[in-house]
PDB file of all heavy atoms in Angstrom:
ATOM      1  N   LEU A   1     -12.171  -6.401   6.095  1.00  0.00           N
ATOM      2  CA  LEU A   1     -12.804  -6.464   7.408  1.00  0.00           C
ATOM      3  C   LEU A   1     -13.634  -7.736   7.530  1.00  0.00           C
ATOM      4  O   LEU A   1     -14.461  -8.029   6.651  1.00  0.00           O
ATOM      5  CB  LEU A   1     -13.696  -5.242   7.619  1.00  0.00           C
ATOM      6  CG  LEU A   1     -14.553  -5.222   8.882  1.00  0.00           C
ATOM      7  CD1 LEU A   1     -13.677  -5.173  10.124  1.00  0.00           C
ATOM      8  CD2 LEU A   1     -15.506  -4.050   8.838  1.00  0.00           C
ATOM      9  N   VAL A   2     -13.413  -8.478   8.608  1.00  0.00           N
ATOM     10  CA  VAL A   2     -14.205  -9.666   8.910  1.00  0.00           C
ATOM     11  C   VAL A   2     -14.556  -9.677  10.389  1.00  0.00           C
ATOM     12  O   VAL A   2     -13.904  -9.026  11.203  1.00  0.00           O
ATOM     13  CB  VAL A   2     -13.485 -10.980   8.548  1.00  0.00           C
ATOM     14  CG1 VAL A   2     -13.255 -11.074   7.049  1.00  0.00           C
ATOM     15  CG2 VAL A   2     -12.175 -11.095   9.307  1.00  0.00           C
ATOM     16  N   GLN A   3     -15.589 -10.434  10.726  1.00  0.00           N
ATOM     17  CA  GLN A   3     -15.973 -10.613  12.117  1.00  0.00           C
ATOM     18  C   GLN A   3     -15.123 -11.687  12.779  1.00  0.00           C
ATOM     19  O   GLN A   3     -14.565 -12.558  12.094  1.00  0.00           O
ATOM     20  CB  GLN A   3     -17.451 -10.980  12.214  1.00  0.00           C
ATOM     21  CG  GLN A   3     -18.389  -9.862  11.804  1.00  0.00           C
ATOM     22  CD  GLN A   3     -19.832 -10.194  12.077  1.00  0.00           C
ATOM     23  OE1 GLN A   3     -20.274 -11.308  11.817  1.00  0.00           O
ATOM     24  NE2 GLN A   3     -20.563  -9.231  12.612  1.00  0.00           N
ATOM     25  N   PRO A   4     -14.988 -11.636  14.098  1.00  0.00           N
ATOM     26  CA  PRO A   4     -14.256 -12.699  14.790  1.00  0.00           C
ATOM     27  C   PRO A   4     -14.789 -14.075  14.426  1.00  0.00           C
ATOM     28  O   PRO A   4     -16.000 -14.287  14.338  1.00  0.00           O
ATOM     29  CB  PRO A   4     -14.494 -12.385  16.265  1.00  0.00           C
ATOM     30  CG  PRO A   4     -14.714 -10.907  16.297  1.00  0.00           C
ATOM     31  CD  PRO A   4     -15.456 -10.590  15.022  1.00  0.00           C
ATOM     32  N   GLY A   5     -13.877 -15.011  14.227  1.00  0.00           N
ATOM     33  CA  GLY A   5     -14.231 -16.354  13.798  1.00  0.00           C
ATOM     34  C   GLY A   5     -14.267 -16.542  12.302  1.00  0.00           C
ATOM     35  O   GLY A   5     -14.348 -17.685  11.829  1.00  0.00           O
ATOM     36  N   GLY A   6     -14.187 -15.468  11.556  1.00  0.00           N
ATOM     37  CA  GLY A   6     -14.224 -15.543  10.115  1.00  0.00           C
ATOM     38  C   GLY A   6     -12.880 -15.891   9.506  1.00  0.00           C
ATOM     39  O   GLY A   6     -11.889 -16.130  10.207  1.00  0.00           O
ATOM     40  N   SER A   7     -12.844 -15.903   8.176  1.00  0.00           N
ATOM     41  CA  SER A   7     -11.649 -16.281   7.436  1.00  0.00           C
ATOM     42  C   SER A   7     -11.341 -15.272   6.345  1.00  0.00           C
ATOM     43  O   SER A   7     -12.239 -14.609   5.807  1.00  0.00           O
ATOM     44  CB  SER A   7     -11.823 -17.662   6.791  1.00  0.00           C
ATOM     45  OG  SER A   7     -12.006 -18.674   7.759  1.00  0.00           O
ATOM     46  N   LEU A   8     -10.071 -15.167   6.022  1.00  0.00           N
ATOM     47  CA  LEU A   8      -9.597 -14.403   4.884  1.00  0.00           C
ATOM     48  C   LEU A   8      -8.466 -15.168   4.221  1.00  0.00           C
ATOM     49  O   LEU A   8      -7.767 -15.943   4.882  1.00  0.00           O
ATOM     50  CB  LEU A   8      -9.082 -13.025   5.296  1.00  0.00           C
ATOM     51  CG  LEU A   8     -10.087 -11.943   5.667  1.00  0.00           C
ATOM     52  CD1 LEU A   8      -9.331 -10.714   6.189  1.00  0.00           C
ATOM     53  CD2 LEU A   8     -10.942 -11.559   4.476  1.00  0.00           C
ATOM     54  N   ARG A   9      -8.274 -14.922   2.941  1.00  0.00           N
ATOM     55  CA  ARG A   9      -7.149 -15.494   2.219  1.00  0.00           C
ATOM     56  C   ARG A   9      -6.367 -14.364   1.567  1.00  0.00           C
ATOM     57  O   ARG A   9      -6.877 -13.699   0.662  1.00  0.00           O
ATOM     58  CB  ARG A   9      -7.611 -16.493   1.163  1.00  0.00           C
ATOM     59  CG  ARG A   9      -6.465 -17.264   0.503  1.00  0.00           C
ATOM     60  CD  ARG A   9      -6.985 -18.314  -0.472  1.00  0.00           C
ATOM     61  NE  ARG A   9      -5.908 -19.104  -1.057  1.00  0.00           N
ATOM     62  CZ  ARG A   9      -5.425 -20.214  -0.540  1.00  0.00           C
ATOM     63  NH1 ARG A   9      -5.928 -20.702   0.595  1.00  0.00           N
ATOM     64  NH2 ARG A   9      -4.443 -20.871  -1.149  1.00  0.00           N
ATOM     65  N   LEU A  10      -5.145 -14.160   2.034  1.00  0.00           N
ATOM     66  CA  LEU A  10      -4.267 -13.170   1.452  1.00  0.00           C
ATOM     67  C   LEU A  10      -3.460 -13.788   0.320  1.00  0.00           C
ATOM     68  O   LEU A  10      -3.061 -14.949   0.389  1.00  0.00           O
ATOM     69  CB  LEU A  10      -3.303 -12.607   2.493  1.00  0.00           C
ATOM     70  CG  LEU A  10      -3.906 -11.940   3.730  1.00  0.00           C
ATOM     71  CD1 LEU A  10      -2.795 -11.374   4.604  1.00  0.00           C
ATOM     72  CD2 LEU A  10      -4.889 -10.848   3.337  1.00  0.00           C
ATOM     73  N   SER A  11      -3.213 -12.996  -0.701  1.00  0.00           N
ATOM     74  CA  SER A  11      -2.390 -13.434  -1.802  1.00  0.00           C
ATOM     75  C   SER A  11      -1.374 -12.354  -2.126  1.00  0.00           C
ATOM     76  O   SER A  11      -1.668 -11.160  -2.037  1.00  0.00           O
ATOM     77  CB  SER A  11      -3.245 -13.739  -3.035  1.00  0.00           C
ATOM     78  OG  SER A  11      -2.455 -14.235  -4.095  1.00  0.00           O
ATOM     79  N   CYS A  12      -0.190 -12.773  -2.495  1.00  0.00           N
ATOM     80  CA  CYS A  12       0.879 -11.864  -2.874  1.00  0.00           C
ATOM     81  C   CYS A  12       1.484 -12.350  -4.178  1.00  0.00           C
ATOM     82  O   CYS A  12       2.015 -13.466  -4.241  1.00  0.00           O
ATOM     83  CB  CYS A  12       1.937 -11.799  -1.779  1.00  0.00           C
ATOM     84  SG  CYS A  12       3.355 -10.753  -2.174  1.00  0.00           S
ATOM     85  N   ALA A  13       1.398 -11.527  -5.199  1.00  0.00           N
ATOM     86  CA  ALA A  13       1.994 -11.831  -6.493  1.00  0.00           C
ATOM     87  C   ALA A  13       3.258 -11.002  -6.667  1.00  0.00           C
ATOM     88  O   ALA A  13       3.234  -9.781  -6.506  1.00  0.00           O
ATOM     89  CB  ALA A  13       1.007 -11.543  -7.616  1.00  0.00           C
ATOM     90  N   VAL A  14       4.360 -11.672  -6.986  1.00  0.00           N
ATOM     91  CA  VAL A  14       5.662 -11.037  -7.113  1.00  0.00           C
ATOM     92  C   VAL A  14       6.035 -10.964  -8.582  1.00  0.00           C
ATOM     93  O   VAL A  14       5.886 -11.940  -9.318  1.00  0.00           O
ATOM     94  CB  VAL A  14       6.739 -11.820  -6.341  1.00  0.00           C
ATOM     95  CG1 VAL A  14       8.079 -11.104  -6.411  1.00  0.00           C
ATOM     96  CG2 VAL A  14       6.311 -12.034  -4.893  1.00  0.00           C
ATOM     97  N   SER A  15       6.524  -9.827  -9.001  1.00  0.00           N
ATOM     98  CA  SER A  15       6.957  -9.672 -10.381  1.00  0.00           C
ATOM     99  C   SER A  15       8.261  -8.884 -10.432  1.00  0.00           C
ATOM    100  O   SER A  15       8.662  -8.243  -9.460  1.00  0.00           O
ATOM    101  CB  SER A  15       5.887  -8.988 -11.233  1.00  0.00           C
ATOM    102  OG  SER A  15       5.645  -7.670 -10.781  1.00  0.00           O
ATOM    103  N   GLU A  16       8.908  -8.959 -11.580  1.00  0.00           N
ATOM    104  CA  GLU A  16      10.161  -8.245 -11.832  1.00  0.00           C
ATOM    105  C   GLU A  16      11.274  -8.668 -10.874  1.00  0.00           C
ATOM    106  O   GLU A  16      12.192  -7.886 -10.618  1.00  0.00           O
ATOM    107  CB  GLU A  16       9.952  -6.731 -11.792  1.00  0.00           C
ATOM    108  CG  GLU A  16       8.938  -6.239 -12.814  1.00  0.00           C
ATOM    109  CD  GLU A  16       8.755  -4.740 -12.787  1.00  0.00           C
ATOM    110  OE1 GLU A  16       9.690  -4.021 -12.385  1.00  0.00           O
ATOM    111  OE2 GLU A  16       7.672  -4.281 -13.173  1.00  0.00           O
ATOM    112  N   ALA A  17      11.198  -9.885 -10.367  1.00  0.00           N
ATOM    113  CA  ALA A  17      12.266 -10.456  -9.554  1.00  0.00           C
ATOM    114  C   ALA A  17      13.117 -11.345 -10.454  1.00  0.00           C
ATOM    115  O   ALA A  17      12.733 -12.467 -10.769  1.00  0.00           O
ATOM    116  CB  ALA A  17      11.693 -11.251  -8.394  1.00  0.00           C
ATOM    117  N   THR A  18      14.252 -10.840 -10.870  1.00  0.00           N
ATOM    118  CA  THR A  18      15.118 -11.579 -11.779  1.00  0.00           C
ATOM    119  C   THR A  18      16.025 -12.559 -11.057  1.00  0.00           C
ATOM    120  O   THR A  18      16.654 -13.399 -11.698  1.00  0.00           O
ATOM    121  CB  THR A  18      15.963 -10.606 -12.609  1.00  0.00           C
ATOM    122  OG1 THR A  18      16.757  -9.794 -11.743  1.00  0.00           O
ATOM    123  CG2 THR A  18      15.070  -9.711 -13.457  1.00  0.00           C
ATOM    124  N   PHE A  19      16.104 -12.473  -9.742  1.00  0.00           N
ATOM    125  CA  PHE A  19      16.938 -13.361  -8.948  1.00  0.00           C
ATOM    126  C   PHE A  19      16.166 -14.611  -8.546  1.00  0.00           C
ATOM    127  O   PHE A  19      14.944 -14.680  -8.676  1.00  0.00           O
ATOM    128  CB  PHE A  19      17.438 -12.630  -7.699  1.00  0.00           C
ATOM    129  CG  PHE A  19      16.343 -12.022  -6.868  1.00  0.00           C
ATOM    130  CD1 PHE A  19      15.677 -12.770  -5.912  1.00  0.00           C
ATOM    131  CD2 PHE A  19      15.981 -10.700  -7.046  1.00  0.00           C
ATOM    132  CE1 PHE A  19      14.670 -12.218  -5.146  1.00  0.00           C
ATOM    133  CE2 PHE A  19      14.970 -10.129  -6.284  1.00  0.00           C
ATOM    134  CZ  PHE A  19      14.315 -10.892  -5.336  1.00  0.00           C
ATOM    135  N   THR A  20      16.897 -15.591  -8.027  1.00  0.00           N
ATOM    136  CA  THR A  20      16.274 -16.795  -7.492  1.00  0.00           C
ATOM    137  C   THR A  20      15.679 -16.487  -6.126  1.00  0.00           C
ATOM    138  O   THR A  20      16.372 -16.014  -5.229  1.00  0.00           O
ATOM    139  CB  THR A  20      17.294 -17.928  -7.358  1.00  0.00           C
ATOM    140  OG1 THR A  20      17.805 -18.252  -8.657  1.00  0.00           O
ATOM    141  CG2 THR A  20      16.652 -19.176  -6.760  1.00  0.00           C
ATOM    142  N   ILE A  21      14.387 -16.744  -5.972  1.00  0.00           N
ATOM    143  CA  ILE A  21      13.692 -16.459  -4.725  1.00  0.00           C
ATOM    144  C   ILE A  21      13.912 -17.604  -3.740  1.00  0.00           C
ATOM    145  O   ILE A  21      13.716 -18.766  -4.072  1.00  0.00           O
ATOM    146  CB  ILE A  21      12.198 -16.232  -4.965  1.00  0.00           C
ATOM    147  CG1 ILE A  21      11.975 -14.990  -5.824  1.00  0.00           C
ATOM    148  CG2 ILE A  21      11.452 -16.100  -3.638  1.00  0.00           C
ATOM    149  CD1 ILE A  21      10.536 -14.768  -6.229  1.00  0.00           C
ATOM    150  N   GLY A  22      14.325 -17.246  -2.531  1.00  0.00           N
ATOM    151  CA  GLY A  22      14.486 -18.235  -1.482  1.00  0.00           C
ATOM    152  C   GLY A  22      13.274 -18.276  -0.590  1.00  0.00           C
ATOM    153  O   GLY A  22      12.189 -18.707  -0.989  1.00  0.00           O
ATOM    154  N   LEU A  23      13.434 -17.795   0.617  1.00  0.00           N
ATOM    155  CA  LEU A  23      12.348 -17.758   1.583  1.00  0.00           C
ATOM    156  C   LEU A  23      11.256 -16.792   1.137  1.00  0.00           C
ATOM    157  O   LEU A  23      11.544 -15.739   0.563  1.00  0.00           O
ATOM    158  CB  LEU A  23      12.897 -17.337   2.934  1.00  0.00           C
ATOM    159  CG  LEU A  23      12.178 -17.745   4.201  1.00  0.00           C
ATOM    160  CD1 LEU A  23      12.149 -19.260   4.345  1.00  0.00           C
ATOM    161  CD2 LEU A  23      12.888 -17.113   5.401  1.00  0.00           C
ATOM    162  N   MET A  24      10.019 -17.148   1.406  1.00  0.00           N
ATOM    163  CA  MET A  24       8.868 -16.296   1.140  1.00  0.00           C
ATOM    164  C   MET A  24       7.963 -16.338   2.358  1.00  0.00           C
ATOM    165  O   MET A  24       7.941 -17.337   3.085  1.00  0.00           O
ATOM    166  CB  MET A  24       8.079 -16.771  -0.087  1.00  0.00           C
ATOM    167  CG  MET A  24       8.895 -16.957  -1.347  1.00  0.00           C
ATOM    168  SD  MET A  24       7.937 -17.699  -2.702  1.00  0.00           S
ATOM    169  CE  MET A  24       6.901 -16.311  -3.176  1.00  0.00           C
ATOM    170  N   GLY A  25       7.207 -15.276   2.576  1.00  0.00           N
ATOM    171  CA  GLY A  25       6.292 -15.326   3.702  1.00  0.00           C
ATOM    172  C   GLY A  25       5.599 -14.013   3.992  1.00  0.00           C
ATOM    173  O   GLY A  25       5.538 -13.118   3.148  1.00  0.00           O
ATOM    174  N   TRP A  26       5.075 -13.942   5.205  1.00  0.00           N
ATOM    175  CA  TRP A  26       4.307 -12.801   5.670  1.00  0.00           C
ATOM    176  C   TRP A  26       4.730 -12.410   7.078  1.00  0.00           C
ATOM    177  O   TRP A  26       4.927 -13.274   7.947  1.00  0.00           O
ATOM    178  CB  TRP A  26       2.804 -13.121   5.701  1.00  0.00           C
ATOM    179  CG  TRP A  26       2.190 -13.389   4.373  1.00  0.00           C
ATOM    180  CD1 TRP A  26       2.150 -14.574   3.711  1.00  0.00           C
ATOM    181  CD2 TRP A  26       1.500 -12.443   3.552  1.00  0.00           C
ATOM    182  NE1 TRP A  26       1.483 -14.436   2.518  1.00  0.00           N
ATOM    183  CE2 TRP A  26       1.078 -13.140   2.398  1.00  0.00           C
ATOM    184  CE3 TRP A  26       1.206 -11.086   3.677  1.00  0.00           C
ATOM    185  CZ2 TRP A  26       0.363 -12.515   1.366  1.00  0.00           C
ATOM    186  CZ3 TRP A  26       0.503 -10.468   2.656  1.00  0.00           C
ATOM    187  CH2 TRP A  26       0.089 -11.176   1.522  1.00  0.00           C
ATOM    188  N   HIS A  27       4.887 -11.118   7.293  1.00  0.00           N
ATOM    189  CA  HIS A  27       4.971 -10.531   8.625  1.00  0.00           C
ATOM    190  C   HIS A  27       3.762  -9.636   8.817  1.00  0.00           C
ATOM    191  O   HIS A  27       3.052  -9.323   7.858  1.00  0.00           O
ATOM    192  CB  HIS A  27       6.251  -9.711   8.786  1.00  0.00           C
ATOM    193  CG  HIS A  27       7.492 -10.533   8.909  1.00  0.00           C
ATOM    194  ND1 HIS A  27       8.609 -10.078   9.597  1.00  0.00           N
ATOM    195  CD2 HIS A  27       7.824 -11.757   8.430  1.00  0.00           C
ATOM    196  CE1 HIS A  27       9.554 -10.994   9.533  1.00  0.00           C
ATOM    197  NE2 HIS A  27       9.100 -12.023   8.831  1.00  0.00           N
ATOM    198  N   ARG A  28       3.532  -9.212  10.054  1.00  0.00           N
ATOM    199  CA  ARG A  28       2.462  -8.269  10.311  1.00  0.00           C
ATOM    200  C   ARG A  28       2.873  -7.297  11.403  1.00  0.00           C
ATOM    201  O   ARG A  28       3.746  -7.584  12.214  1.00  0.00           O
ATOM    202  CB  ARG A  28       1.168  -8.991  10.708  1.00  0.00           C
ATOM    203  CG  ARG A  28       1.197  -9.614  12.102  1.00  0.00           C
ATOM    204  CD  ARG A  28      -0.063 -10.414  12.353  1.00  0.00           C
ATOM    205  NE  ARG A  28      -0.111 -10.924  13.716  1.00  0.00           N
ATOM    206  CZ  ARG A  28      -1.011 -11.787  14.165  1.00  0.00           C
ATOM    207  NH1 ARG A  28      -1.969 -12.229  13.345  1.00  0.00           N
ATOM    208  NH2 ARG A  28      -0.980 -12.196  15.429  1.00  0.00           N
ATOM    209  N   GLN A  29       2.199  -6.157  11.410  1.00  0.00           N
ATOM    210  CA  GLN A  29       2.426  -5.170  12.446  1.00  0.00           C
ATOM    211  C   GLN A  29       1.081  -4.630  12.908  1.00  0.00           C
ATOM    212  O   GLN A  29       0.348  -4.024  12.124  1.00  0.00           O
ATOM    213  CB  GLN A  29       3.319  -4.028  11.960  1.00  0.00           C
ATOM    214  CG  GLN A  29       3.728  -3.076  13.061  1.00  0.00           C
ATOM    215  CD  GLN A  29       4.880  -2.184  12.669  1.00  0.00           C
ATOM    216  OE1 GLN A  29       5.142  -1.975  11.494  1.00  0.00           O
ATOM    217  NE2 GLN A  29       5.584  -1.666  13.659  1.00  0.00           N
ATOM    218  N   ALA A  30       0.772  -4.867  14.181  1.00  0.00           N
ATOM    219  CA  ALA A  30      -0.454  -4.390  14.784  1.00  0.00           C
ATOM    220  C   ALA A  30      -0.206  -3.036  15.442  1.00  0.00           C
ATOM    221  O   ALA A  30       0.942  -2.696  15.765  1.00  0.00           O
ATOM    222  CB  ALA A  30      -0.958  -5.394  15.814  1.00  0.00           C
ATOM    223  N   PRO A  31      -1.266  -2.259  15.666  1.00  0.00           N
ATOM    224  CA  PRO A  31      -1.093  -0.960  16.318  1.00  0.00           C
ATOM    225  C   PRO A  31      -0.378  -1.079  17.660  1.00  0.00           C
ATOM    226  O   PRO A  31      -0.755  -1.891  18.505  1.00  0.00           O
ATOM    227  CB  PRO A  31      -2.528  -0.469  16.497  1.00  0.00           C
ATOM    228  CG  PRO A  31      -3.294  -1.152  15.413  1.00  0.00           C
ATOM    229  CD  PRO A  31      -2.663  -2.510  15.286  1.00  0.00           C
ATOM    230  N   GLY A  32       0.666  -0.295  17.845  1.00  0.00           N
ATOM    231  CA  GLY A  32       1.392  -0.279  19.092  1.00  0.00           C
ATOM    232  C   GLY A  32       2.312  -1.461  19.327  1.00  0.00           C
ATOM    233  O   GLY A  32       2.856  -1.590  20.425  1.00  0.00           O
ATOM    234  N   LYS A  33       2.505  -2.303  18.324  1.00  0.00           N
ATOM    235  CA  LYS A  33       3.336  -3.484  18.484  1.00  0.00           C
ATOM    236  C   LYS A  33       4.428  -3.528  17.426  1.00  0.00           C
ATOM    237  O   LYS A  33       4.342  -2.862  16.396  1.00  0.00           O
ATOM    238  CB  LYS A  33       2.492  -4.761  18.400  1.00  0.00           C
ATOM    239  CG  LYS A  33       1.416  -4.882  19.462  1.00  0.00           C
ATOM    240  CD  LYS A  33       0.667  -6.191  19.364  1.00  0.00           C
ATOM    241  CE  LYS A  33       1.554  -7.369  19.704  1.00  0.00           C
ATOM    242  NZ  LYS A  33       0.806  -8.658  19.684  1.00  0.00           N
ATOM    243  N   GLU A  34       5.454  -4.320  17.700  1.00  0.00           N
ATOM    244  CA  GLU A  34       6.532  -4.512  16.744  1.00  0.00           C
ATOM    245  C   GLU A  34       6.087  -5.460  15.637  1.00  0.00           C
ATOM    246  O   GLU A  34       5.189  -6.284  15.823  1.00  0.00           O
ATOM    247  CB  GLU A  34       7.765  -5.071  17.440  1.00  0.00           C
ATOM    248  CG  GLU A  34       8.377  -4.149  18.486  1.00  0.00           C
ATOM    249  CD  GLU A  34       8.950  -2.893  17.876  1.00  0.00           C
ATOM    250  OE1 GLU A  34       9.567  -2.989  16.793  1.00  0.00           O
ATOM    251  OE2 GLU A  34       8.785  -1.813  18.465  1.00  0.00           O
ATOM    252  N   ARG A  35       6.739  -5.335  14.503  1.00  0.00           N
ATOM    253  CA  ARG A  35       6.477  -6.253  13.414  1.00  0.00           C
ATOM    254  C   ARG A  35       6.875  -7.670  13.837  1.00  0.00           C
ATOM    255  O   ARG A  35       7.920  -7.873  14.469  1.00  0.00           O
ATOM    256  CB  ARG A  35       7.237  -5.826  12.165  1.00  0.00           C
ATOM    257  CG  ARG A  35       6.883  -6.632  10.928  1.00  0.00           C
ATOM    258  CD  ARG A  35       7.553  -6.079   9.680  1.00  0.00           C
ATOM    259  NE  ARG A  35       7.093  -4.729   9.372  1.00  0.00           N
ATOM    260  CZ  ARG A  35       7.342  -4.103   8.219  1.00  0.00           C
ATOM    261  NH1 ARG A  35       8.032  -4.710   7.262  1.00  0.00           N
ATOM    262  NH2 ARG A  35       6.903  -2.869   8.033  1.00  0.00           N
ATOM    263  N   GLU A  36       6.053  -8.657  13.481  1.00  0.00           N
ATOM    264  CA  GLU A  36       6.304 -10.029  13.884  1.00  0.00           C
ATOM    265  C   GLU A  36       6.082 -10.986  12.721  1.00  0.00           C
ATOM    266  O   GLU A  36       5.310 -10.718  11.801  1.00  0.00           O
ATOM    267  CB  GLU A  36       5.402 -10.430  15.057  1.00  0.00           C
ATOM    268  CG  GLU A  36       3.928 -10.455  14.715  1.00  0.00           C
ATOM    269  CD  GLU A  36       3.052 -10.949  15.850  1.00  0.00           C
ATOM    270  OE1 GLU A  36       3.601 -11.480  16.845  1.00  0.00           O
ATOM    271  OE2 GLU A  36       1.818 -10.797  15.755  1.00  0.00           O
ATOM    272  N   LEU A  37       6.754 -12.118  12.807  1.00  0.00           N
ATOM    273  CA  LEU A  37       6.569 -13.173  11.816  1.00  0.00           C
ATOM    274  C   LEU A  37       5.179 -13.776  11.940  1.00  0.00           C
ATOM    275  O   LEU A  37       4.734 -14.110  13.039  1.00  0.00           O
ATOM    276  CB  LEU A  37       7.619 -14.266  12.017  1.00  0.00           C
ATOM    277  CG  LEU A  37       7.418 -15.533  11.189  1.00  0.00           C
ATOM    278  CD1 LEU A  37       7.693 -15.260   9.710  1.00  0.00           C
ATOM    279  CD2 LEU A  37       8.306 -16.658  11.698  1.00  0.00           C
ATOM    280  N   VAL A  38       4.511 -13.934  10.816  1.00  0.00           N
ATOM    281  CA  VAL A  38       3.274 -14.699  10.750  1.00  0.00           C
ATOM    282  C   VAL A  38       3.572 -16.108  10.251  1.00  0.00           C
ATOM    283  O   VAL A  38       3.249 -17.099  10.909  1.00  0.00           O
ATOM    284  CB  VAL A  38       2.233 -14.020   9.845  1.00  0.00           C
ATOM    285  CG1 VAL A  38       0.962 -14.864   9.778  1.00  0.00           C
ATOM    286  CG2 VAL A  38       1.929 -12.620  10.344  1.00  0.00           C
ATOM    287  N   ALA A  39       4.184 -16.202   9.089  1.00  0.00           N
ATOM    288  CA  ALA A  39       4.518 -17.496   8.510  1.00  0.00           C
ATOM    289  C   ALA A  39       5.558 -17.311   7.427  1.00  0.00           C
ATOM    290  O   ALA A  39       5.602 -16.272   6.772  1.00  0.00           O
ATOM    291  CB  ALA A  39       3.272 -18.179   7.931  1.00  0.00           C
ATOM    292  N   ARG A  40       6.385 -18.327   7.219  1.00  0.00           N
ATOM    293  CA  ARG A  40       7.341 -18.311   6.130  1.00  0.00           C
ATOM    294  C   ARG A  40       7.521 -19.723   5.601  1.00  0.00           C
ATOM    295  O   ARG A  40       7.287 -20.703   6.316  1.00  0.00           O
ATOM    296  CB  ARG A  40       8.677 -17.707   6.554  1.00  0.00           C
ATOM    297  CG  ARG A  40       9.349 -18.388   7.733  1.00  0.00           C
ATOM    298  CD  ARG A  40      10.521 -17.553   8.203  1.00  0.00           C
ATOM    299  NE  ARG A  40      11.194 -18.142   9.361  1.00  0.00           N
ATOM    300  CZ  ARG A  40      12.104 -17.518  10.083  1.00  0.00           C
ATOM    301  NH1 ARG A  40      12.462 -16.270   9.774  1.00  0.00           N
ATOM    302  NH2 ARG A  40      12.663 -18.123  11.118  1.00  0.00           N
ATOM    303  N   ILE A  41       7.956 -19.813   4.352  1.00  0.00           N
ATOM    304  CA  ILE A  41       8.054 -21.101   3.679  1.00  0.00           C
ATOM    305  C   ILE A  41       9.280 -21.102   2.789  1.00  0.00           C
ATOM    306  O   ILE A  41       9.535 -20.157   2.047  1.00  0.00           O
ATOM    307  CB  ILE A  41       6.749 -21.397   2.897  1.00  0.00           C
ATOM    308  CG1 ILE A  41       6.814 -22.760   2.208  1.00  0.00           C
ATOM    309  CG2 ILE A  41       6.426 -20.283   1.910  1.00  0.00           C
ATOM    310  CD1 ILE A  41       5.458 -23.211   1.675  1.00  0.00           C
TER     311      ILE A  41
END
């Protein structure tokens, strides 16, 4: 939880992936809305 104007840093650590990873990123889903792209790399 943060106040408007604040910052957060999300981190995602992936393990047990034996394949070659291609695209990585984040989606989000807000209440009452469809899941949407945030960012991908």
